């Protein structure tokens, strides 16, 4: 297994956040009452944005030849 860098952490975080948000939305659509649902969905949205920033800014870029 390779080393964990910020891009790997961002990919795991974004995948997990999208999965958790989908589970919360599915539970709400099935009629299950979740008292903290708005806070949890807002938290997952913030985590998705943070992980997208991690992926974009820490992905290695190759410079064009001079």
C-alpha atoms as a PDB file:
ATOM      1  CA  UNK A   1       0.000   0.000   0.000  1.00  0.00           C
ATOM      2  CA  UNK A   2       1.301   3.405  -0.936  1.00  0.00           C
ATOM      3  CA  UNK A   3       1.657   6.463   1.187  1.00  0.00           C
ATOM      4  CA  UNK A   4      -1.398   8.519   2.004  1.00  0.00           C
ATOM      5  CA  UNK A   5      -1.167  12.022   0.562  1.00  0.00           C
ATOM      6  CA  UNK A   6      -3.691  14.847   0.561  1.00  0.00           C
ATOM      7  CA  UNK A   7      -5.196  13.716  -2.739  1.00  0.00           C
ATOM      8  CA  UNK A   8      -5.919  10.234  -1.374  1.00  0.00           C
ATOM      9  CA  UNK A   9      -7.434  11.661   1.790  1.00  0.00           C
ATOM     10  CA  UNK A  10      -9.561  14.025  -0.302  1.00  0.00           C
ATOM     11  CA  UNK A  11     -10.831  11.181  -2.482  1.00  0.00           C
ATOM     12  CA  UNK A  12     -11.802   9.060   0.510  1.00  0.00           C
ATOM     13  CA  UNK A  13     -13.414  12.047   2.228  1.00  0.00           C
ATOM     14  CA  UNK A  14     -15.459  13.080  -0.809  1.00  0.00           C
ATOM     15  CA  UNK A  15     -16.649   9.535  -1.439  1.00  0.00           C
ATOM     16  CA  UNK A  16     -17.648   9.025   2.167  1.00  0.00           C
ATOM     17  CA  UNK A  17     -19.400  12.394   2.385  1.00  0.00           C
ATOM     18  CA  UNK A  18     -21.459  11.774  -0.748  1.00  0.00           C
ATOM     19  CA  UNK A  19     -22.422   8.324   0.533  1.00  0.00           C
ATOM     20  CA  UNK A  20     -23.488   9.644   3.937  1.00  0.00           C
ATOM     21  CA  UNK A  21     -25.496  12.475   2.352  1.00  0.00           C
ATOM     22  CA  UNK A  22     -27.264   9.957   0.107  1.00  0.00           C
ATOM     23  CA  UNK A  23     -28.131   7.749   3.064  1.00  0.00           C
ATOM     24  CA  UNK A  24     -29.537  10.717   4.998  1.00  0.00           C
ATOM     25  CA  UNK A  25     -31.627  11.860   2.031  1.00  0.00           C
ATOM     26  CA  UNK A  26     -32.895   8.313   1.431  1.00  0.00           C
ATOM     27  CA  UNK A  27     -33.894   7.989   5.086  1.00  0.00           C
ATOM     28  CA  UNK A  28     -35.764  11.287   4.910  1.00  0.00           C
ATOM     29  CA  UNK A  29     -37.569  10.175   1.737  1.00  0.00           C
ATOM     30  CA  UNK A  30     -38.652   6.962   3.476  1.00  0.00           C
ATOM     31  CA  UNK A  31     -40.237   9.038   6.221  1.00  0.00           C
ATOM     32  CA  UNK A  32     -37.725   8.461   8.989  1.00  0.00           C
ATOM     33  CA  UNK A  33     -37.480  11.451  11.290  1.00  0.00           C
ATOM     34  CA  UNK A  34     -33.903  12.628  11.746  1.00  0.00           C
ATOM     35  CA  UNK A  35     -33.737  15.649  14.027  1.00  0.00           C
ATOM     36  CA  UNK A  36     -30.182  16.621  13.054  1.00  0.00           C
ATOM     37  CA  UNK A  37     -30.647  16.103   9.298  1.00  0.00           C
ATOM     38  CA  UNK A  38     -30.142  19.756   8.231  1.00  0.00           C
ATOM     39  CA  UNK A  39     -26.948  20.021  10.292  1.00  0.00           C
ATOM     40  CA  UNK A  40     -25.662  16.688   8.985  1.00  0.00           C
ATOM     41  CA  UNK A  41     -26.374  17.616   5.352  1.00  0.00           C
ATOM     42  CA  UNK A  42     -24.665  20.970   5.814  1.00  0.00           C
ATOM     43  CA  UNK A  43     -21.675  19.229   7.376  1.00  0.00           C
ATOM     44  CA  UNK A  44     -21.412  16.783   4.466  1.00  0.00           C
ATOM     45  CA  UNK A  45     -21.641  19.681   1.989  1.00  0.00           C
ATOM     46  CA  UNK A  46     -18.770  21.447   3.760  1.00  0.00           C
ATOM     47  CA  UNK A  47     -16.714  18.237   3.779  1.00  0.00           C
ATOM     48  CA  UNK A  48     -17.335  17.770   0.058  1.00  0.00           C
ATOM     49  CA  UNK A  49     -16.064  21.283  -0.665  1.00  0.00           C
ATOM     50  CA  UNK A  50     -13.008  20.833   1.572  1.00  0.00           C
ATOM     51  CA  UNK A  51     -12.132  17.509  -0.024  1.00  0.00           C
ATOM     52  CA  UNK A  52     -12.561  18.962  -3.528  1.00  0.00           C
ATOM     53  CA  UNK A  53     -10.121  21.726  -2.598  1.00  0.00           C
ATOM     54  CA  UNK A  54      -7.679  19.100  -1.295  1.00  0.00           C
ATOM     55  CA  UNK A  55      -7.923  17.153  -4.540  1.00  0.00           C
ATOM     56  CA  UNK A  56      -7.481  20.190  -6.791  1.00  0.00           C
ATOM     57  CA  UNK A  57      -4.619  21.864  -4.956  1.00  0.00           C
ATOM     58  CA  UNK A  58      -2.600  18.782  -4.046  1.00  0.00           C
ATOM     59  CA  UNK A  59      -2.792  16.859  -7.309  1.00  0.00           C
ATOM     60  CA  UNK A  60       0.701  16.811  -8.823  1.00  0.00           C
ATOM     61  CA  UNK A  61       0.876  18.729 -12.070  1.00  0.00           C
ATOM     62  CA  UNK A  62       3.519  18.224 -14.688  1.00  0.00           C
ATOM     63  CA  UNK A  63       5.000  21.376 -16.144  1.00  0.00           C
ATOM     64  CA  UNK A  64       5.046  21.759 -19.908  1.00  0.00           C
ATOM     65  CA  UNK A  65       8.468  21.424 -21.510  1.00  0.00           C
ATOM     66  CA  UNK A  66      10.360  24.656 -22.119  1.00  0.00           C
END
